[in-house]
N, C-alpha and C. Protein backbone atom coordinates (compact mmCIF):
# COMPACT_ATOMS: atom_id res chain seq x y z
N MET A 1 1.01 -1.10 0.26
CA MET A 1 -0.33 -0.02 -0.20
C MET A 1 0.89 1.22 0.32
N ASP A 2 0.76 2.38 -1.15
CA ASP A 2 1.18 3.87 -0.85
C ASP A 2 1.28 4.20 0.08
N THR A 3 2.63 4.93 0.65
CA THR A 3 2.44 5.34 1.93
C THR A 3 2.06 6.77 1.54
N LEU A 4 2.60 7.32 0.73
CA LEU A 4 2.34 8.98 1.05
C LEU A 4 0.81 9.51 -0.06
N ILE A 5 0.50 10.80 0.59
CA ILE A 5 -0.51 11.17 0.72
C ILE A 5 -0.17 11.44 -0.97
N THR A 6 -1.93 11.32 -1.06
CA THR A 6 -2.80 11.99 -3.29
C THR A 6 -2.93 12.99 -3.09
N VAL A 7 -1.99 13.14 -4.53
CA VAL A 7 -1.60 14.24 -5.08
C VAL A 7 -2.74 15.73 -4.90
N GLN A 8 -4.54 14.25 -4.61
CA GLN A 8 -5.82 15.31 -4.27
C GLN A 8 -5.01 15.81 -3.10
N GLN A 9 -5.08 15.31 -1.69
CA GLN A 9 -4.53 14.93 -0.94
C GLN A 9 -3.84 16.52 -0.43
N PHE A 10 -3.35 16.85 -1.36
CA PHE A 10 -1.74 17.43 -1.39
C PHE A 10 -2.86 18.60 -1.67
N ALA A 11 -2.85 18.81 -2.60
CA ALA A 11 -3.68 19.57 -3.21
C ALA A 11 -4.84 21.41 -2.87
N ALA A 12 -5.72 19.22 -2.17
CA ALA A 12 -6.81 20.69 -0.99
C ALA A 12 -6.14 21.00 -0.03
N PHE A 13 -5.28 20.23 0.55
CA PHE A 13 -4.42 20.69 1.58
C PHE A 13 -4.04 21.65 1.53
N LEU A 14 -3.03 21.46 0.54
CA LEU A 14 -2.50 23.11 0.16
C LEU A 14 -2.90 24.64 0.68
N ALA A 15 -4.20 23.86 -0.53
CA ALA A 15 -4.62 25.32 -0.26
C ALA A 15 -5.53 26.04 0.43
N ALA A 16 -5.88 24.74 1.61
CA ALA A 16 -7.02 24.96 2.22
C ALA A 16 -5.67 26.01 3.96
N SER A 17 -4.49 25.50 3.70
CA SER A 17 -3.41 25.72 4.00
C SER A 17 -3.48 27.39 4.34
N ILE A 18 -2.93 27.95 2.76
CA ILE A 18 -2.61 28.91 3.00
C ILE A 18 -3.73 30.03 3.09
N LEU A 19 -4.57 29.29 2.65
CA LEU A 19 -5.96 30.52 3.53
C LEU A 19 -5.67 30.39 4.71
N ILE A 20 -6.09 29.24 5.65
CA ILE A 20 -5.83 29.51 7.00
C ILE A 20 -4.79 30.32 7.33
N THR A 21 -3.08 30.05 6.61
CA THR A 21 -2.28 31.11 6.87
C THR A 21 -2.23 32.90 6.94
N LEU A 22 -2.22 32.63 5.42
CA LEU A 22 -2.79 34.07 5.47
C LEU A 22 -4.04 35.12 6.19
N ALA A 23 -4.74 35.16 6.82
CA ALA A 23 -5.96 34.47 7.40
C ALA A 23 -5.59 35.25 8.41
N PRO A 24 -5.85 36.61 9.18
CA PRO A 24 -5.53 37.59 10.38
C PRO A 24 -5.44 36.38 11.62
N GLY A 25 -4.58 36.35 12.08
CA GLY A 25 -4.12 35.59 13.24
C GLY A 25 -3.31 35.95 14.65
N PRO A 26 -2.92 35.31 15.18
CA PRO A 26 -2.01 36.06 16.33
C PRO A 26 -0.83 35.46 15.89
N ASP A 27 0.03 34.23 15.31
CA ASP A 27 1.38 34.52 14.12
C ASP A 27 1.78 35.82 13.18
N ASN A 28 0.48 36.16 12.31
CA ASN A 28 1.12 36.95 10.97
C ASN A 28 0.72 38.57 12.10
N LEU A 29 0.53 38.11 12.90
CA LEU A 29 0.25 39.81 14.07
C LEU A 29 1.92 39.72 14.64
N MET A 30 2.75 39.14 15.24
CA MET A 30 3.90 38.78 16.32
C MET A 30 4.68 39.51 14.79
N VAL A 31 4.42 38.29 13.51
CA VAL A 31 5.60 38.41 12.27
C VAL A 31 5.83 40.17 11.96
N LEU A 32 4.76 40.52 11.72
CA LEU A 32 4.16 41.84 11.07
C LEU A 32 4.86 42.39 12.41
N SER A 33 3.71 42.70 13.24
CA SER A 33 4.71 43.24 14.39
C SER A 33 6.42 44.32 15.25
N LEU A 34 7.00 42.92 14.37
CA LEU A 34 8.07 42.83 14.54
C LEU A 34 8.80 42.62 13.26
N GLY A 35 8.19 42.18 11.88
CA GLY A 35 9.06 42.92 10.88
C GLY A 35 8.69 44.24 10.58
N ILE A 36 8.19 45.25 11.56
CA ILE A 36 7.76 46.60 11.01
C ILE A 36 8.38 47.39 12.64
N ALA A 37 8.82 46.72 13.66
CA ALA A 37 9.91 47.58 14.24
C ALA A 37 11.16 46.92 14.03
N ARG A 38 11.75 45.44 13.80
CA ARG A 38 12.98 45.29 13.58
C ARG A 38 13.39 45.46 12.09
N GLY A 39 12.99 44.71 11.11
CA GLY A 39 13.50 45.33 9.96
C GLY A 39 13.30 44.66 8.85
N ARG A 40 13.67 44.20 7.74
CA ARG A 40 13.26 42.64 7.30
C ARG A 40 14.22 41.87 7.12
N ARG A 41 15.64 41.89 7.73
CA ARG A 41 16.25 40.49 7.96
C ARG A 41 15.17 39.39 8.74
N LEU A 42 15.64 40.14 10.94
CA LEU A 42 14.57 39.98 11.73
C LEU A 42 13.21 39.63 11.36
N GLY A 43 13.27 39.86 11.42
CA GLY A 43 11.20 40.38 10.43
C GLY A 43 11.77 38.22 9.30
N VAL A 44 12.55 38.15 8.77
CA VAL A 44 12.10 37.21 8.80
C VAL A 44 12.47 35.91 9.15
N ALA A 45 13.55 36.16 9.94
CA ALA A 45 13.89 34.87 10.48
C ALA A 45 12.20 35.11 11.79
N PHE A 46 12.34 35.55 12.24
CA PHE A 46 11.36 35.29 13.11
C PHE A 46 9.48 34.35 12.73
N GLY A 47 9.40 35.12 11.49
CA GLY A 47 8.60 34.68 10.79
C GLY A 47 8.67 32.74 10.48
N LEU A 48 10.25 33.02 9.92
CA LEU A 48 10.43 31.19 9.58
C LEU A 48 10.93 30.67 10.84
N GLY A 49 10.84 31.27 12.23
CA GLY A 49 10.84 30.53 13.36
C GLY A 49 9.77 30.10 13.53
N CYS A 50 8.36 30.89 13.10
CA CYS A 50 7.45 30.94 13.70
C CYS A 50 6.62 29.53 12.58
N GLY A 51 6.82 29.23 11.61
CA GLY A 51 6.49 28.44 10.89
C GLY A 51 7.32 27.54 11.24
N ALA A 52 8.02 27.10 11.65
CA ALA A 52 9.50 25.71 12.07
C ALA A 52 8.74 25.87 13.08
N GLY A 53 7.86 26.35 13.51
CA GLY A 53 7.68 25.86 15.35
C GLY A 53 6.31 24.86 14.63
N CYS A 54 5.48 25.18 14.13
CA CYS A 54 4.76 24.07 13.51
C CYS A 54 4.80 22.40 12.62
N LEU A 55 5.65 22.34 12.99
CA LEU A 55 6.75 20.82 12.81
C LEU A 55 6.86 20.01 13.97
N ASN A 56 7.03 21.06 15.14
CA ASN A 56 6.77 20.13 16.44
C ASN A 56 5.10 19.66 16.44
N HIS A 57 4.33 20.76 16.77
CA HIS A 57 2.99 20.16 16.58
C HIS A 57 2.18 19.24 15.53
N SER A 58 2.60 18.92 14.41
CA SER A 58 2.51 18.04 13.79
C SER A 58 3.36 16.82 13.97
N VAL A 59 4.43 16.47 14.60
CA VAL A 59 5.10 15.80 15.20
C VAL A 59 4.03 14.89 16.10
N LEU A 60 3.85 15.50 17.58
CA LEU A 60 2.62 15.39 18.58
C LEU A 60 1.93 15.16 17.91
N ALA A 61 1.04 15.98 16.86
CA ALA A 61 -0.55 15.07 16.10
C ALA A 61 0.28 13.71 15.83
N ALA A 62 1.09 13.55 14.86
CA ALA A 62 0.79 11.81 14.10
C ALA A 62 1.38 10.96 15.28
N LEU A 63 1.81 11.52 16.69
CA LEU A 63 2.27 10.38 17.75
C LEU A 63 1.42 10.93 18.46
N GLY A 64 0.32 11.30 18.67
CA GLY A 64 -1.07 10.96 18.95
C GLY A 64 -1.04 12.09 20.86
N VAL A 65 -0.07 12.02 20.81
CA VAL A 65 0.61 12.92 22.11
C VAL A 65 -0.29 14.51 22.57
N SER A 66 -0.67 15.06 21.18
CA SER A 66 -1.20 16.31 20.92
C SER A 66 -2.96 16.06 21.78
N ALA A 67 -2.88 14.88 21.80
CA ALA A 67 -4.73 13.92 21.85
C ALA A 67 -5.13 14.05 23.59
N VAL A 68 -3.24 13.64 24.13
CA VAL A 68 -3.50 13.48 25.53
C VAL A 68 -3.22 14.65 26.14
N ILE A 69 -2.64 15.65 25.94
CA ILE A 69 -2.47 16.97 26.65
C ILE A 69 -3.67 17.75 26.74
N ALA A 70 -4.66 17.69 25.10
CA ALA A 70 -5.73 17.79 25.18
C ALA A 70 -6.85 17.77 25.65
N ALA A 71 -6.91 16.81 26.10
CA ALA A 71 -7.76 15.52 26.98
C ALA A 71 -6.76 16.00 28.54
N SER A 72 -6.45 16.19 28.68
CA SER A 72 -5.32 16.17 30.31
C SER A 72 -5.59 17.87 29.79
N GLN A 73 -6.57 18.59 31.22
CA GLN A 73 -6.83 19.93 31.48
C GLN A 73 -5.71 20.43 32.37
N THR A 74 -4.63 19.42 33.48
CA THR A 74 -4.02 20.10 33.68
C THR A 74 -2.59 19.87 32.88
N ALA A 75 -2.24 18.74 31.90
CA ALA A 75 -1.46 19.36 31.06
C ALA A 75 -1.53 20.48 29.98
N PHE A 76 -3.06 20.48 29.58
CA PHE A 76 -3.24 21.94 28.60
C PHE A 76 -3.25 23.34 29.63
N MET A 77 -3.29 23.46 30.63
CA MET A 77 -3.58 24.73 31.29
C MET A 77 -2.32 25.25 31.18
N ALA A 78 -1.05 24.25 31.78
CA ALA A 78 0.03 24.79 32.01
C ALA A 78 0.74 24.68 31.13
N LEU A 79 0.51 24.16 29.62
CA LEU A 79 0.68 24.90 28.44
C LEU A 79 1.19 25.89 27.91
N LYS A 80 -0.28 25.82 28.42
CA LYS A 80 -1.21 28.05 28.42
C LYS A 80 -0.75 29.08 29.27
N VAL A 81 -0.50 28.00 30.12
CA VAL A 81 0.24 29.69 31.36
C VAL A 81 1.74 29.85 30.43
N ALA A 82 2.60 28.73 30.35
CA ALA A 82 3.93 28.57 29.64
C ALA A 82 3.92 29.52 28.40
N GLY A 83 3.29 29.02 28.12
CA GLY A 83 3.07 29.54 26.29
C GLY A 83 2.87 31.96 26.52
N GLY A 84 1.76 31.65 27.43
CA GLY A 84 0.96 33.04 28.09
C GLY A 84 2.47 33.73 28.52
N LEU A 85 2.82 33.52 29.39
CA LEU A 85 4.25 33.91 30.05
C LEU A 85 5.22 34.46 29.12
N TYR A 86 5.93 33.05 28.35
CA TYR A 86 6.79 33.36 27.20
C TYR A 86 6.48 34.56 26.42
N LEU A 87 5.52 34.39 25.77
CA LEU A 87 4.95 36.27 25.26
C LEU A 87 4.77 37.20 26.22
N VAL A 88 4.63 37.21 27.35
CA VAL A 88 4.77 38.69 27.56
C VAL A 88 6.40 38.67 28.00
N TRP A 89 7.15 37.50 28.44
CA TRP A 89 8.27 37.79 28.56
C TRP A 89 9.27 38.56 27.06
N LEU A 90 8.64 37.74 25.93
CA LEU A 90 9.60 38.80 24.86
C LEU A 90 8.91 39.99 24.37
N GLY A 91 7.69 40.59 25.32
CA GLY A 91 7.09 41.43 24.78
C GLY A 91 7.30 42.28 25.78
N VAL A 92 8.41 41.90 26.87
CA VAL A 92 8.66 43.18 28.24
C VAL A 92 9.91 43.42 27.71
N ARG A 93 10.73 42.40 27.11
CA ARG A 93 12.21 42.43 26.72
C ARG A 93 12.24 43.34 25.73
N ALA A 94 11.29 43.30 24.82
CA ALA A 94 11.36 44.54 23.60
C ALA A 94 10.89 45.70 24.20
N ILE A 95 9.73 45.64 25.07
CA ILE A 95 9.29 47.26 25.18
C ILE A 95 10.46 47.78 26.12
N LEU A 96 11.31 47.22 26.91
CA LEU A 96 12.92 47.87 27.86
C LEU A 96 13.77 47.66 27.05
N GLY A 97 13.87 46.82 25.96
CA GLY A 97 15.35 46.69 25.55
C GLY A 97 14.93 47.60 23.78
N ALA A 98 13.84 48.34 23.80
CA ALA A 98 13.53 49.10 23.09
C ALA A 98 14.62 50.96 22.79
N ARG A 99 15.45 50.45 21.41
CA ARG A 99 16.29 51.82 21.20
C ARG A 99 15.97 53.03 21.66
N ALA A 100 17.42 52.78 22.66
CA ALA A 100 17.06 54.23 23.24
C ALA A 100 17.54 55.66 21.85
N LEU A 101 16.82 56.76 22.23
CA LEU A 101 17.21 57.73 21.50
C LEU A 101 18.42 58.17 21.37
N ALA A 102 19.08 58.35 20.36
CA ALA A 102 20.71 58.77 20.44
C ALA A 102 20.67 59.79 20.12
N GLY A 103 21.69 60.59 19.77
CA GLY A 103 22.48 62.21 19.06
C GLY A 103 22.52 60.77 17.49
N PRO A 104 22.84 62.31 17.02
CA PRO A 104 23.08 61.83 14.93
C PRO A 104 24.66 61.26 15.10
N GLY A 105 24.66 59.98 14.17
CA GLY A 105 25.57 58.63 14.35
C GLY A 105 25.51 57.78 15.64
N ALA A 106 24.84 58.27 16.31
CA ALA A 106 25.57 57.48 17.70
C ALA A 106 25.16 55.77 17.48
N ALA A 107 25.36 54.84 17.98
CA ALA A 107 25.03 53.62 17.94
C ALA A 107 23.83 53.26 18.84
N PRO A 108 22.76 52.81 18.63
CA PRO A 108 21.42 52.03 19.79
C PRO A 108 22.15 51.92 21.16
N ALA A 109 21.51 52.04 22.16
CA ALA A 109 21.35 51.85 23.39
C ALA A 109 21.24 50.17 23.63
N ALA A 110 20.98 49.75 22.26
CA ALA A 110 20.35 48.27 22.88
C ALA A 110 20.62 47.49 21.29
N ALA A 111 21.55 46.23 21.73
CA ALA A 111 22.36 45.81 20.59
C ALA A 111 20.96 44.59 20.42
N ASP A 112 21.49 44.57 18.98
CA ASP A 112 20.68 44.57 17.58
C ASP A 112 20.72 42.81 17.90
N GLU A 113 19.30 42.10 18.07
CA GLU A 113 19.65 40.76 17.27
C GLU A 113 19.48 40.31 16.77
N SER A 114 19.91 38.74 17.10
CA SER A 114 20.90 38.20 15.75
C SER A 114 19.73 36.86 15.01
N ALA A 115 20.22 37.39 14.06
CA ALA A 115 18.55 36.31 12.97
C ALA A 115 18.17 35.19 13.69
N ARG A 116 19.57 34.55 13.99
CA ARG A 116 19.48 33.28 14.81
C ARG A 116 18.66 33.10 15.75
N ARG A 117 19.01 34.24 16.63
CA ARG A 117 17.79 34.15 18.54
C ARG A 117 16.48 34.16 18.06
N LEU A 118 16.04 35.47 17.04
CA LEU A 118 14.81 35.63 16.74
C LEU A 118 13.91 34.75 15.95
N PHE A 119 15.25 33.52 15.03
CA PHE A 119 14.15 32.23 14.56
C PHE A 119 13.76 31.57 15.52
N PHE A 120 14.68 31.60 16.49
CA PHE A 120 14.12 29.88 18.15
C PHE A 120 13.19 31.01 18.35
N ARG A 121 12.79 32.30 18.64
CA ARG A 121 12.16 32.96 19.56
C ARG A 121 10.99 33.04 18.23
N GLY A 122 10.77 32.80 17.44
CA GLY A 122 9.44 32.47 16.91
C GLY A 122 9.52 30.92 17.01
N LEU A 123 10.34 30.15 17.03
CA LEU A 123 9.67 28.90 16.44
C LEU A 123 9.49 28.59 17.91
N LEU A 124 9.93 28.71 19.25
CA LEU A 124 9.11 28.36 20.79
C LEU A 124 8.16 28.95 20.89
N ALA A 125 7.78 30.24 20.47
CA ALA A 125 6.94 30.96 20.36
C ALA A 125 5.39 29.85 20.24
N ASN A 126 5.21 29.62 18.77
CA ASN A 126 4.30 28.70 17.84
C ASN A 126 4.36 26.80 18.63
N ALA A 127 5.95 26.50 19.27
CA ALA A 127 6.04 25.44 18.94
C ALA A 127 5.47 25.23 21.14
N ILE A 128 4.97 26.15 21.58
CA ILE A 128 4.82 25.91 23.02
C ILE A 128 3.04 26.96 22.85
N ASN A 129 2.85 26.84 22.13
CA ASN A 129 0.95 27.75 22.04
C ASN A 129 0.16 27.10 22.08
N PRO A 130 -0.65 26.23 22.85
CA PRO A 130 -1.30 24.99 23.31
C PRO A 130 -2.98 25.58 22.34
N LYS A 131 -3.21 26.39 22.19
CA LYS A 131 -4.35 26.67 20.92
C LYS A 131 -3.75 26.03 19.66
N VAL A 132 -2.68 26.52 19.09
CA VAL A 132 -1.84 25.28 17.90
C VAL A 132 -1.84 23.72 17.50
N ILE A 133 -2.05 23.39 19.10
CA ILE A 133 -2.21 22.57 19.14
C ILE A 133 -3.36 21.44 18.85
N LEU A 134 -4.59 22.48 19.37
CA LEU A 134 -5.62 21.73 19.24
C LEU A 134 -6.38 22.32 17.65
N PHE A 135 -5.69 23.24 16.88
CA PHE A 135 -6.17 23.36 15.53
C PHE A 135 -5.34 22.47 14.24
N PHE A 136 -4.26 21.95 15.26
CA PHE A 136 -3.39 20.23 14.32
C PHE A 136 -4.47 19.31 14.68
N LEU A 137 -5.15 19.50 16.00
CA LEU A 137 -6.32 18.26 15.95
C LEU A 137 -6.85 18.49 15.06
N ALA A 138 -7.62 19.06 15.67
CA ALA A 138 -9.13 19.52 14.34
C ALA A 138 -8.65 19.81 12.72
N PHE A 139 -7.31 20.29 12.63
CA PHE A 139 -7.68 20.19 10.79
C PHE A 139 -6.64 19.21 10.06
N LEU A 140 -5.96 18.65 10.64
CA LEU A 140 -4.70 17.89 9.91
C LEU A 140 -6.00 16.18 9.48
N PRO A 141 -6.62 15.91 10.53
CA PRO A 141 -7.53 15.05 10.69
C PRO A 141 -8.30 14.73 9.32
N GLN A 142 -8.98 16.10 8.82
CA GLN A 142 -9.62 16.30 7.61
C GLN A 142 -8.92 15.83 6.64
N PHE A 143 -8.20 15.85 6.39
CA PHE A 143 -7.45 15.14 5.38
C PHE A 143 -6.71 13.71 5.41
N VAL A 144 -7.05 12.90 6.22
CA VAL A 144 -6.58 11.90 6.12
C VAL A 144 -7.53 11.22 5.45
N ASP A 145 -6.81 10.15 4.87
CA ASP A 145 -7.95 8.77 4.27
C ASP A 145 -7.45 8.32 5.10
N GLY A 146 -8.52 7.61 5.96
CA GLY A 146 -8.63 6.89 7.15
C GLY A 146 -8.67 5.39 6.13
N ALA A 147 -9.19 5.00 4.60
CA ALA A 147 -8.75 3.91 3.93
C ALA A 147 -7.74 3.44 3.42
N ARG A 148 -6.10 4.05 3.21
CA ARG A 148 -5.37 3.77 2.67
C ARG A 148 -4.41 4.06 4.35
N GLY A 149 -4.32 3.72 4.96
CA GLY A 149 -3.95 4.17 6.66
C GLY A 149 -2.98 4.46 6.88
N HIS A 150 -1.86 3.75 7.47
CA HIS A 150 -0.90 4.35 7.47
C HIS A 150 -0.94 5.74 8.69
N THR A 151 -2.43 6.18 8.96
CA THR A 151 -3.32 7.77 9.20
C THR A 151 -1.43 8.17 10.42
N GLY A 152 -0.75 7.93 11.02
CA GLY A 152 0.41 8.90 11.65
C GLY A 152 1.27 9.53 10.50
N TRP A 153 1.33 8.38 9.98
CA TRP A 153 2.06 9.21 8.71
C TRP A 153 2.03 9.94 7.16
N GLN A 154 1.06 9.97 7.54
CA GLN A 154 -0.28 10.60 6.86
C GLN A 154 -0.34 12.31 7.04
N ILE A 155 -0.75 11.97 8.87
CA ILE A 155 -0.68 13.12 9.84
C ILE A 155 1.05 13.81 9.35
N MET A 156 1.62 13.28 9.52
CA MET A 156 3.25 13.88 9.82
C MET A 156 3.30 14.93 8.08
N GLN A 157 2.98 13.71 7.03
CA GLN A 157 3.48 14.57 5.89
C GLN A 157 2.22 15.70 5.38
N LEU A 158 1.27 15.42 5.51
CA LEU A 158 0.63 16.86 6.05
C LEU A 158 1.29 17.90 7.02
N GLY A 159 1.92 17.66 8.08
CA GLY A 159 1.73 18.86 8.73
C GLY A 159 3.42 19.17 8.49
N VAL A 160 4.41 18.43 7.33
CA VAL A 160 4.96 19.01 6.68
C VAL A 160 5.26 20.12 5.99
N VAL A 161 4.17 19.49 4.63
CA VAL A 161 3.32 20.69 3.89
C VAL A 161 3.17 22.16 4.71
N PHE A 162 2.09 21.78 5.19
CA PHE A 162 1.68 22.95 6.39
C PHE A 162 2.78 23.73 6.60
N THR A 163 3.67 22.76 7.30
CA THR A 163 4.88 24.30 8.13
C THR A 163 5.87 24.75 7.24
N VAL A 164 5.68 23.69 5.72
CA VAL A 164 6.66 24.49 4.54
C VAL A 164 5.68 25.66 3.23
N GLN A 165 4.39 25.62 3.75
CA GLN A 165 3.56 27.05 3.05
C GLN A 165 3.82 28.16 4.21
N ALA A 166 3.15 27.19 5.31
CA ALA A 166 3.94 28.51 6.96
C ALA A 166 4.98 29.29 6.67
N ALA A 167 6.24 28.35 6.94
CA ALA A 167 7.27 28.94 7.35
C ALA A 167 7.80 30.51 5.92
N LEU A 168 7.23 29.78 4.49
CA LEU A 168 7.27 31.10 3.35
C LEU A 168 6.62 31.96 3.97
N ILE A 169 5.25 31.61 3.79
CA ILE A 169 3.99 33.32 4.26
C ILE A 169 4.15 34.26 5.34
N PHE A 170 5.03 33.46 6.37
CA PHE A 170 5.29 34.61 7.49
C PHE A 170 6.79 35.42 7.31
N ALA A 171 7.49 34.28 6.00
CA ALA A 171 8.86 35.21 5.77
C ALA A 171 8.24 36.35 4.77
N LEU A 172 7.27 35.95 3.72
CA LEU A 172 7.21 37.10 3.02
C LEU A 172 6.61 38.06 3.84
N ILE A 173 5.39 37.23 4.79
CA ILE A 173 4.74 39.01 5.32
C ILE A 173 6.72 39.53 6.71
N GLY A 174 7.32 39.35 7.43
CA GLY A 174 8.35 39.49 7.45
C GLY A 174 9.27 40.22 6.59
N TRP A 175 9.24 40.06 5.52
CA TRP A 175 9.91 40.94 4.76
C TRP A 175 9.49 42.52 4.08
N PHE A 176 8.10 41.83 3.96
CA PHE A 176 7.57 43.12 3.74
C PHE A 176 7.38 44.47 4.37
N SER A 177 7.12 43.76 5.54
CA SER A 177 6.51 44.60 7.25
C SER A 177 7.63 44.72 7.40
N GLY A 178 9.06 44.49 6.93
CA GLY A 178 10.11 44.70 7.56
C GLY A 178 10.72 46.20 6.13
N ALA A 179 10.72 46.21 4.89
CA ALA A 179 10.65 47.02 4.67
C ALA A 179 10.23 48.28 5.38
N ILE A 180 8.61 47.95 4.60
CA ILE A 180 8.31 48.85 5.52
C ILE A 180 8.94 50.32 6.90
N GLY A 181 8.87 48.63 7.69
CA GLY A 181 9.83 49.46 8.98
C GLY A 181 11.06 49.90 8.72
N GLU A 182 11.91 49.86 8.20
CA GLU A 182 13.10 50.11 7.22
C GLU A 182 12.88 51.16 7.23
N ARG A 183 12.05 52.05 7.03
CA ARG A 183 11.55 53.23 5.77
C ARG A 183 11.34 54.02 7.75
N LEU A 184 10.19 53.91 8.10
CA LEU A 184 9.52 54.55 8.84
C LEU A 184 11.24 54.22 9.86
N ALA A 185 11.83 53.89 9.89
CA ALA A 185 12.94 53.78 11.43
C ALA A 185 14.01 54.36 11.28
N ARG A 186 13.93 55.22 9.81
CA ARG A 186 14.83 56.36 9.90
C ARG A 186 14.43 57.60 11.17
N ARG A 187 13.54 57.09 11.01
CA ARG A 187 13.19 58.48 12.35
C ARG A 187 13.41 57.58 13.72
N PRO A 188 14.54 58.19 14.14
CA PRO A 188 15.09 58.25 15.06
C PRO A 188 13.47 57.98 16.71
N ARG A 189 13.04 58.93 17.04
CA ARG A 189 12.02 58.22 17.52
C ARG A 189 10.50 57.99 17.54
N LEU A 190 10.69 57.78 15.74
CA LEU A 190 9.31 56.51 15.44
C LEU A 190 9.90 55.24 15.93
N ALA A 191 10.96 54.93 15.43
CA ALA A 191 11.99 53.24 15.48
C ALA A 191 11.48 53.14 16.71
N LEU A 192 12.08 54.19 18.46
CA LEU A 192 11.88 53.91 19.34
C LEU A 192 10.72 53.28 19.70
N TRP A 193 9.45 53.75 19.11
CA TRP A 193 7.66 53.75 19.71
C TRP A 193 7.54 52.84 18.24
N LEU A 194 8.25 52.40 17.53
CA LEU A 194 8.17 50.88 17.25
C LEU A 194 7.77 49.44 17.87
N ASP A 195 8.91 50.11 18.28
CA ASP A 195 10.13 49.20 19.19
C ASP A 195 9.14 48.73 20.74
N ARG A 196 8.17 49.37 20.90
CA ARG A 196 7.81 49.85 21.99
C ARG A 196 6.26 49.20 21.34
N ALA A 197 5.91 49.38 20.54
CA ALA A 197 4.36 48.94 20.61
C ALA A 197 4.57 47.74 20.15
N ALA A 198 5.76 46.73 18.95
CA ALA A 198 5.38 45.71 19.03
C ALA A 198 5.26 44.76 20.27
N GLY A 199 6.72 45.31 21.86
CA GLY A 199 7.17 44.66 22.95
C GLY A 199 5.22 44.71 23.22
N GLY A 200 4.80 45.71 23.01
CA GLY A 200 3.05 45.78 23.75
C GLY A 200 1.88 44.46 23.15
N ILE A 201 2.53 44.42 21.76
CA ILE A 201 1.04 43.26 20.71
C ILE A 201 1.52 42.22 21.94
N PHE A 202 3.07 41.84 21.75
CA PHE A 202 3.27 40.55 22.32
C PHE A 202 2.46 40.90 23.79
N VAL A 203 2.48 41.01 24.76
CA VAL A 203 2.45 41.32 26.07
C VAL A 203 0.49 41.13 25.93
N LEU A 204 0.12 42.22 25.42
CA LEU A 204 -1.28 41.89 24.86
C LEU A 204 -2.05 40.41 24.43
N LEU A 205 -1.29 39.60 23.97
CA LEU A 205 -1.06 38.31 23.21
C LEU A 205 -1.13 36.85 24.34
N GLY A 206 -0.01 37.09 24.87
CA GLY A 206 0.29 36.58 26.21
C GLY A 206 -0.70 36.27 26.97
N ALA A 207 -1.10 37.73 27.20
CA ALA A 207 -1.85 37.90 28.21
C ALA A 207 -3.93 37.32 27.79
N ARG A 208 -3.93 37.52 26.74
CA ARG A 208 -4.80 36.32 25.84
C ARG A 208 -5.00 35.49 25.83
N LEU A 209 -3.89 34.86 25.96
CA LEU A 209 -3.76 33.20 25.91
C LEU A 209 -3.77 32.46 27.17
N ILE A 210 -3.17 33.29 28.26
CA ILE A 210 -3.45 32.54 29.91
C ILE A 210 -4.43 33.32 30.07
N VAL A 211 -5.32 33.89 29.70
CA VAL A 211 -6.71 34.38 30.69
C VAL A 211 -7.29 33.56 29.09
N GLY A 212 -7.11 33.75 28.05
CA GLY A 212 -8.82 33.28 27.31
C GLY A 212 -8.95 31.85 27.38
N ARG A 213 -10.47 31.83 27.26
CA ARG A 213 -10.68 29.80 27.30
C ARG A 213 -10.56 29.26 26.38
């Protein structure tokens, strides 16, 4: 029996995945705000990280771990609080480390973060989000052909497809928002408030994750 998903499965799933990824949501908002505040390179890095984080949910869903977490109120709540606190922490760091106003030609007070660090922050922000766990549990099985068997392997393949397209779309959002941000950031005072605004968005998203149902 063929263990690869069919062309029909792939096409239908890819179309649905692109529409879902493009729909306004927390991930898009995080990438958009960070790109505007930090520029194209870091916006792309964070976007790729957010997309790559989906692979974690794909593996958990394929192994059935996601179902166990979703069924356990304690485990789900712990992950929910941890994910929310992490976003709040990222936001507070961005606010406190906002580029200070400096004189002409002076270096920013806060050192620029590396693209690698932003990538892993995006990856972790997505990977520990329990709402994404529930989404994958509800979304991926709809495109699994039970008659073909190898359910877990089909889910894993679909998850990889979702991860790749999400990483590409988030990277594009980071690129274009970063291009806008780089123009706006030529004004030091505006650059300072862009950093603070991005941090505030992360804090709000984290708080919403913690207190939301």
